[in-house]
Amino acid sequence: MVDDGFGGSLNDIDSDNFVFNFDWTLSPRFALFGRYSYSRSDMDPVNPLIGGGTVRVQAFQLGVALPDLGRQGALGTISLVVPFDILAGRRFLVSGNGNGGTEFNLETTYFYPINTNIAIVPTFFATFNANNFSDNPTVFGTVLRTQFLF
């Protein structure tokens, strides 16, 4: 959510967004993947006494994929994610703008097919500098998902 930096409204926001994805299979059992995004948004406050500005953010993910790990059709992944790195325009962001820290996540996932229609997908993750606050403690979590494919 954004505002004019003082709780006021904005006119329409012009934004340019760039996204790049890649998947590179180096062998039948090893692949690399990644994503990068960059956004630039021009802020134009409704109040003419408040100057406008620009919000620039980026995000990226880099990972390793291990197809057929332990079983045909299984997939293990390990990835590092920076979901929202603020480069400029912090004053326009109402929440989640942090104190200058950069949140990053380390995640491991394992897709294990039980049969052609059911898989279990355990995930472990660690979030560092949560919500872009460098003094927030590290958050650890696990998820056990059952996936039904029909």
Protein backbone atom coordinates (compact mmCIF):
# COMPACT_ATOMS: atom_id res chain seq x y z
CA MET A 1 0.00 0.00 0.00
CA VAL A 2 1.27 3.46 -0.86
CA ASP A 3 0.33 7.04 -0.01
CA ASP A 4 1.89 10.49 -0.47
CA GLY A 5 4.21 9.99 2.49
CA PHE A 6 1.89 11.88 4.84
CA GLY A 7 -1.27 9.73 4.73
CA GLY A 8 -2.78 11.49 1.70
CA SER A 9 -3.97 10.24 -1.65
CA LEU A 10 -2.11 9.84 -4.90
CA ASN A 11 -3.10 10.43 -8.50
CA ASP A 12 -2.70 7.58 -10.95
CA ILE A 13 0.63 5.78 -10.60
CA ASP A 14 2.73 5.18 -13.70
CA SER A 15 4.82 2.05 -13.38
CA ASP A 16 7.39 0.22 -15.48
CA ASN A 17 8.03 -3.43 -14.64
CA PHE A 18 10.68 -5.82 -15.88
CA VAL A 19 10.70 -9.56 -15.15
CA PHE A 20 13.24 -12.13 -16.24
CA ASN A 21 12.92 -15.90 -15.63
CA PHE A 22 15.28 -18.69 -16.51
CA ASP A 23 15.35 -22.46 -16.15
CA TRP A 24 18.46 -24.30 -17.22
CA THR A 25 18.61 -28.09 -17.21
CA LEU A 26 22.28 -28.99 -17.00
CA SER A 27 21.65 -32.75 -16.82
CA PRO A 28 18.61 -35.00 -16.40
CA ARG A 29 19.10 -34.80 -12.61
CA PHE A 30 20.31 -31.22 -12.05
CA ALA A 31 18.91 -27.84 -13.05
CA LEU A 32 19.23 -24.19 -12.10
CA PHE A 33 16.43 -21.64 -12.00
CA GLY A 34 16.04 -17.99 -11.24
CA ARG A 35 13.77 -15.00 -11.42
CA TYR A 36 14.49 -11.28 -11.26
CA SER A 37 12.01 -8.42 -11.23
CA TYR A 38 12.47 -4.67 -11.13
CA SER A 39 9.72 -2.07 -10.80
CA ARG A 40 9.83 1.70 -11.02
CA SER A 41 6.68 3.60 -10.04
CA ASP A 42 6.21 7.37 -10.23
CA MET A 43 4.20 8.80 -7.32
CA ASP A 44 2.12 11.93 -7.92
CA PRO A 45 0.43 13.23 -4.72
CA VAL A 46 -3.04 14.79 -5.02
CA ASN A 47 -1.91 17.59 -2.68
CA PRO A 48 0.13 20.02 -4.85
CA LEU A 49 2.17 21.10 -1.79
CA ILE A 50 3.72 17.64 -1.47
CA GLY A 51 6.42 16.69 -3.91
CA GLY A 52 6.22 13.50 -5.88
CA GLY A 53 8.87 10.88 -6.27
CA THR A 54 9.72 7.40 -7.39
CA VAL A 55 9.48 4.00 -5.74
CA ARG A 56 11.97 1.45 -7.05
CA VAL A 57 11.90 -2.16 -5.88
CA GLN A 58 13.47 -5.41 -6.95
CA ALA A 59 13.03 -9.08 -6.14
CA PHE A 60 14.92 -12.20 -7.11
CA GLN A 61 15.15 -15.93 -6.62
CA LEU A 62 18.00 -18.32 -7.37
CA GLY A 63 17.72 -22.06 -6.95
CA VAL A 64 18.76 -25.59 -7.69
CA ALA A 65 16.33 -28.30 -8.79
CA LEU A 66 16.97 -32.02 -8.48
CA PRO A 67 14.53 -33.93 -10.75
CA ASP A 68 13.75 -37.57 -9.97
CA LEU A 69 15.39 -37.30 -6.54
CA GLY A 70 14.72 -40.62 -4.85
CA ARG A 71 11.98 -41.59 -7.27
CA GLN A 72 10.87 -40.92 -10.82
CA GLY A 73 8.64 -37.83 -10.88
CA ALA A 74 9.96 -36.48 -7.56
CA LEU A 75 11.55 -33.04 -7.39
CA GLY A 76 13.75 -31.49 -4.73
CA THR A 77 14.53 -27.78 -4.75
CA ILE A 78 16.65 -25.39 -2.73
CA SER A 79 16.24 -21.68 -3.31
CA LEU A 80 17.22 -18.28 -2.00
CA VAL A 81 14.55 -15.58 -2.39
CA VAL A 82 14.60 -11.82 -1.86
CA PRO A 83 10.87 -11.08 -2.14
CA PHE A 84 10.90 -7.28 -1.86
CA ASP A 85 14.06 -5.14 -1.78
CA ILE A 86 13.37 -1.40 -1.61
CA LEU A 87 15.86 0.61 -3.65
CA ALA A 88 14.20 4.06 -3.41
CA GLY A 89 10.98 5.77 -2.33
CA ARG A 90 10.64 4.28 1.13
CA ARG A 91 8.54 7.25 2.34
CA PHE A 92 5.66 6.30 0.03
CA LEU A 93 5.29 2.79 1.46
CA VAL A 94 2.68 2.66 4.25
CA SER A 95 3.67 -0.70 5.71
CA GLY A 96 6.33 -3.30 5.27
CA ASN A 97 9.07 -0.86 4.43
CA GLY A 98 11.34 -1.91 7.30
CA ASN A 99 14.39 -0.10 8.59
CA GLY A 100 16.72 -0.62 5.65
CA GLY A 101 17.26 -4.35 6.08
CA THR A 102 16.57 -6.71 3.20
CA GLU A 103 14.38 -9.74 3.81
CA PHE A 104 15.60 -12.98 2.32
CA ASN A 105 14.28 -16.52 2.53
CA LEU A 106 15.98 -19.87 2.25
CA GLU A 107 13.60 -22.65 1.24
CA THR A 108 13.83 -26.36 0.56
CA THR A 109 10.93 -28.27 -0.99
CA TYR A 110 10.48 -31.89 -1.93
CA PHE A 111 7.66 -32.98 -4.25
CA TYR A 112 7.18 -36.72 -3.73
CA PRO A 113 4.52 -38.45 -5.84
CA ILE A 114 2.65 -41.26 -4.07
CA ASN A 115 0.90 -42.19 -7.31
CA THR A 116 -0.19 -40.33 -10.47
CA ASN A 117 -2.85 -38.36 -8.56
CA ILE A 118 -1.44 -37.78 -5.06
CA ALA A 119 1.81 -36.25 -3.86
CA ILE A 120 3.16 -35.06 -0.55
CA VAL A 121 5.20 -31.88 -0.51
CA PRO A 122 7.17 -31.10 2.66
CA THR A 123 8.78 -27.66 2.82
CA PHE A 124 11.20 -26.07 5.24
CA PHE A 125 11.97 -22.36 5.19
CA ALA A 126 13.88 -19.71 7.11
CA THR A 127 13.11 -16.01 6.81
CA PHE A 128 15.86 -13.56 7.71
CA ASN A 129 15.27 -9.81 8.33
CA ALA A 130 11.49 -10.36 8.22
CA ASN A 131 9.50 -7.49 6.68
CA ASN A 132 12.80 -5.74 5.85
CA PHE A 133 13.72 -5.08 9.49
CA SER A 134 17.35 -5.99 10.13
CA ASP A 135 16.71 -6.48 13.87
CA ASN A 136 13.79 -8.94 13.47
CA PRO A 137 14.61 -12.48 14.58
CA THR A 138 14.91 -15.29 12.06
CA VAL A 139 11.61 -17.09 11.46
CA PHE A 140 11.67 -20.84 10.80
CA GLY A 141 8.75 -22.79 9.42
CA THR A 142 7.67 -26.08 7.95
CA VAL A 143 4.72 -26.97 5.77
CA LEU A 144 3.45 -30.43 4.90
CA ARG A 145 1.12 -30.26 1.94
CA THR A 146 -0.81 -33.05 0.26
CA GLN A 147 -1.46 -32.36 -3.40
CA PHE A 148 -4.28 -33.98 -5.33
CA LEU A 149 -3.89 -33.93 -9.12
CA PHE A 150 -7.00 -34.57 -11.23
